[in-house]
Amino acid sequence: MLFYYLWREGLLSGLGGEKIRFFLGLTDNPLYLSRRWPLLTAINWPRAVFSKRYALSVTTWLRYRVSLYDGCCG
């Protein structure tokens, strides 16, 4: 479900290599927007794959994080 919503919102096509590395915590500072963990660890993956409601909320949250990364808001 998560990947469907990410694709539908256009987040999969808009992600470049730098944003993917940022999300996975593979940057110079892996805790750039989080004080404890990279963004990857904030998602309950089994629930995101099987729950429509949770997948939609994760997509909304990731869209916000991408906007923060791009400097559009925040």
N, C-alpha and C. Protein backbone atom coordinates (compact mmCIF):
# COMPACT_ATOMS: atom_id res chain seq x y z
N MET A 1 0.81 -1.18 0.00
CA MET A 1 0.00 0.00 0.00
C MET A 1 0.87 1.26 0.00
N LEU A 2 1.92 1.24 0.77
CA LEU A 2 2.76 2.44 0.88
C LEU A 2 3.32 2.85 -0.48
N PHE A 3 3.85 1.90 -1.22
CA PHE A 3 4.47 2.24 -2.49
C PHE A 3 3.45 2.72 -3.51
N TYR A 4 2.23 2.22 -3.43
CA TYR A 4 1.16 2.70 -4.30
C TYR A 4 0.87 4.17 -4.02
N TYR A 5 0.72 4.53 -2.74
CA TYR A 5 0.44 5.92 -2.39
C TYR A 5 1.62 6.84 -2.71
N LEU A 6 2.83 6.35 -2.50
CA LEU A 6 4.00 7.15 -2.87
C LEU A 6 4.04 7.40 -4.37
N TRP A 7 3.72 6.38 -5.15
CA TRP A 7 3.68 6.53 -6.60
C TRP A 7 2.56 7.48 -7.02
N ARG A 8 1.37 7.33 -6.40
CA ARG A 8 0.21 8.15 -6.74
C ARG A 8 0.45 9.62 -6.43
N GLU A 9 1.16 9.91 -5.35
CA GLU A 9 1.45 11.29 -4.98
C GLU A 9 2.64 11.87 -5.76
N GLY A 10 3.32 11.03 -6.53
CA GLY A 10 4.45 11.50 -7.32
C GLY A 10 5.75 11.58 -6.55
N LEU A 11 5.79 11.02 -5.36
CA LEU A 11 7.01 11.09 -4.56
C LEU A 11 8.09 10.15 -5.07
N LEU A 12 7.71 9.04 -5.65
CA LEU A 12 8.72 8.10 -6.15
C LEU A 12 9.46 8.68 -7.36
N SER A 13 8.76 9.37 -8.23
CA SER A 13 9.40 9.93 -9.41
C SER A 13 10.24 11.16 -9.08
N GLY A 14 9.88 11.86 -7.98
CA GLY A 14 10.61 13.07 -7.62
C GLY A 14 11.83 12.84 -6.74
N LEU A 15 12.05 11.61 -6.33
CA LEU A 15 13.19 11.33 -5.46
C LEU A 15 14.45 11.13 -6.28
N GLY A 16 15.47 11.87 -5.94
CA GLY A 16 16.76 11.68 -6.55
C GLY A 16 17.66 10.87 -5.63
N GLY A 17 18.85 10.61 -6.09
CA GLY A 17 19.79 9.84 -5.28
C GLY A 17 20.11 10.48 -3.95
N GLU A 18 20.21 11.81 -3.95
CA GLU A 18 20.55 12.52 -2.72
C GLU A 18 19.42 12.40 -1.69
N LYS A 19 18.17 12.51 -2.14
CA LYS A 19 17.04 12.40 -1.21
C LYS A 19 16.90 10.98 -0.68
N ILE A 20 17.17 10.00 -1.51
CA ILE A 20 17.09 8.61 -1.05
C ILE A 20 18.16 8.34 -0.01
N ARG A 21 19.38 8.82 -0.25
CA ARG A 21 20.46 8.65 0.74
C ARG A 21 20.10 9.37 2.05
N PHE A 22 19.48 10.54 1.94
CA PHE A 22 19.05 11.28 3.13
C PHE A 22 18.02 10.47 3.92
N PHE A 23 17.04 9.90 3.22
CA PHE A 23 16.00 9.13 3.86
C PHE A 23 16.57 7.88 4.55
N LEU A 24 17.55 7.24 3.94
CA LEU A 24 18.15 6.03 4.49
C LEU A 24 19.19 6.32 5.57
N GLY A 25 19.52 7.58 5.78
CA GLY A 25 20.51 7.94 6.79
C GLY A 25 21.93 7.74 6.32
N LEU A 26 22.16 7.80 5.02
CA LEU A 26 23.49 7.57 4.46
C LEU A 26 24.20 8.86 4.09
N THR A 27 23.83 9.97 4.72
CA THR A 27 24.46 11.26 4.45
C THR A 27 25.58 11.50 5.46
N ASP A 28 26.25 12.65 5.31
CA ASP A 28 27.31 12.99 6.26
C ASP A 28 26.76 13.08 7.68
N ASN A 29 25.56 13.60 7.82
CA ASN A 29 24.91 13.69 9.12
C ASN A 29 23.59 12.92 9.04
N PRO A 30 23.56 11.64 9.43
CA PRO A 30 22.36 10.83 9.26
C PRO A 30 21.19 11.27 10.12
N LEU A 31 21.43 12.10 11.11
CA LEU A 31 20.35 12.57 11.98
C LEU A 31 19.99 14.02 11.69
N TYR A 32 20.07 14.40 10.43
CA TYR A 32 19.89 15.79 10.02
C TYR A 32 18.57 16.40 10.49
N LEU A 33 17.44 15.71 10.30
CA LEU A 33 16.15 16.23 10.74
C LEU A 33 15.59 15.47 11.94
N SER A 34 16.36 14.59 12.52
CA SER A 34 15.89 13.83 13.66
C SER A 34 17.02 13.76 14.68
N ARG A 35 16.68 13.85 15.93
CA ARG A 35 17.72 13.83 16.96
C ARG A 35 18.14 12.42 17.34
N ARG A 36 17.33 11.42 16.98
CA ARG A 36 17.63 10.06 17.41
C ARG A 36 17.91 9.09 16.27
N TRP A 37 17.08 9.08 15.23
CA TRP A 37 17.19 8.07 14.19
C TRP A 37 17.04 8.68 12.81
N PRO A 38 17.56 8.02 11.78
CA PRO A 38 17.26 8.43 10.40
C PRO A 38 15.76 8.27 10.13
N LEU A 39 15.26 8.91 9.10
CA LEU A 39 13.83 8.85 8.79
C LEU A 39 13.35 7.43 8.55
N LEU A 40 14.19 6.59 8.03
CA LEU A 40 13.82 5.22 7.70
C LEU A 40 13.29 4.46 8.91
N THR A 41 13.85 4.70 10.06
CA THR A 41 13.47 3.95 11.25
C THR A 41 12.18 4.46 11.90
N ALA A 42 11.67 5.59 11.43
CA ALA A 42 10.45 6.15 12.02
C ALA A 42 9.18 5.48 11.50
N ILE A 43 9.31 4.64 10.48
CA ILE A 43 8.14 4.02 9.84
C ILE A 43 7.99 2.58 10.31
N ASN A 44 6.80 2.20 10.68
CA ASN A 44 6.47 0.82 11.00
C ASN A 44 6.21 0.12 9.66
N TRP A 45 7.21 -0.55 9.11
CA TRP A 45 7.16 -1.07 7.74
C TRP A 45 6.08 -2.11 7.51
N PRO A 46 5.90 -3.11 8.36
CA PRO A 46 4.80 -4.06 8.10
C PRO A 46 3.44 -3.37 8.06
N ARG A 47 3.24 -2.46 8.97
CA ARG A 47 1.97 -1.74 8.99
C ARG A 47 1.83 -0.84 7.75
N ALA A 48 2.92 -0.21 7.30
CA ALA A 48 2.88 0.66 6.13
C ALA A 48 2.57 -0.12 4.85
N VAL A 49 3.00 -1.37 4.80
CA VAL A 49 2.76 -2.18 3.60
C VAL A 49 1.33 -2.70 3.55
N PHE A 50 0.74 -2.99 4.70
CA PHE A 50 -0.57 -3.66 4.70
C PHE A 50 -1.76 -2.78 5.12
N SER A 51 -1.52 -1.65 5.75
CA SER A 51 -2.62 -0.81 6.23
C SER A 51 -2.78 0.42 5.32
N LYS A 52 -3.96 0.56 4.71
CA LYS A 52 -4.20 1.69 3.81
C LYS A 52 -4.12 3.03 4.54
N ARG A 53 -4.76 3.11 5.69
CA ARG A 53 -4.79 4.36 6.44
C ARG A 53 -3.39 4.78 6.89
N TYR A 54 -2.62 3.84 7.41
CA TYR A 54 -1.27 4.15 7.87
C TYR A 54 -0.37 4.52 6.68
N ALA A 55 -0.51 3.79 5.58
CA ALA A 55 0.29 4.09 4.38
C ALA A 55 -0.01 5.50 3.87
N LEU A 56 -1.27 5.91 3.90
CA LEU A 56 -1.63 7.25 3.46
C LEU A 56 -1.05 8.31 4.40
N SER A 57 -1.07 8.04 5.69
CA SER A 57 -0.50 9.01 6.64
C SER A 57 1.02 9.08 6.51
N VAL A 58 1.67 7.97 6.25
CA VAL A 58 3.12 7.97 6.03
C VAL A 58 3.45 8.75 4.77
N THR A 59 2.64 8.59 3.73
CA THR A 59 2.86 9.33 2.49
C THR A 59 2.74 10.83 2.72
N THR A 60 1.74 11.24 3.48
CA THR A 60 1.58 12.66 3.81
C THR A 60 2.78 13.17 4.60
N TRP A 61 3.24 12.37 5.56
CA TRP A 61 4.39 12.75 6.37
C TRP A 61 5.66 12.84 5.52
N LEU A 62 5.85 11.89 4.60
CA LEU A 62 7.03 11.92 3.74
C LEU A 62 6.99 13.10 2.77
N ARG A 63 5.80 13.45 2.28
CA ARG A 63 5.67 14.62 1.41
C ARG A 63 6.11 15.87 2.17
N TYR A 64 5.71 15.98 3.43
CA TYR A 64 6.13 17.10 4.27
C TYR A 64 7.65 17.10 4.47
N ARG A 65 8.23 15.93 4.73
CA ARG A 65 9.68 15.84 4.93
C ARG A 65 10.45 16.19 3.66
N VAL A 66 9.93 15.79 2.50
CA VAL A 66 10.57 16.14 1.24
C VAL A 66 10.50 17.66 1.05
N SER A 67 9.37 18.26 1.42
CA SER A 67 9.26 19.73 1.33
C SER A 67 10.25 20.42 2.25
N LEU A 68 10.46 19.88 3.44
CA LEU A 68 11.48 20.41 4.34
C LEU A 68 12.87 20.30 3.72
N TYR A 69 13.14 19.16 3.13
CA TYR A 69 14.44 18.92 2.52
C TYR A 69 14.69 19.90 1.37
N ASP A 70 13.63 20.14 0.57
CA ASP A 70 13.76 21.04 -0.57
C ASP A 70 13.78 22.51 -0.17
N GLY A 71 13.43 22.79 1.09
CA GLY A 71 13.42 24.16 1.57
C GLY A 71 12.14 24.91 1.24
N CYS A 72 11.08 24.19 0.90
CA CYS A 72 9.81 24.83 0.53
C CYS A 72 9.01 25.26 1.75
N CYS A 73 9.19 24.62 2.87
CA CYS A 73 8.45 24.98 4.09
C CYS A 73 9.32 24.70 5.30
N GLY A 74 8.86 25.16 6.43
CA GLY A 74 9.57 24.87 7.67
C GLY A 74 10.42 25.94 8.11
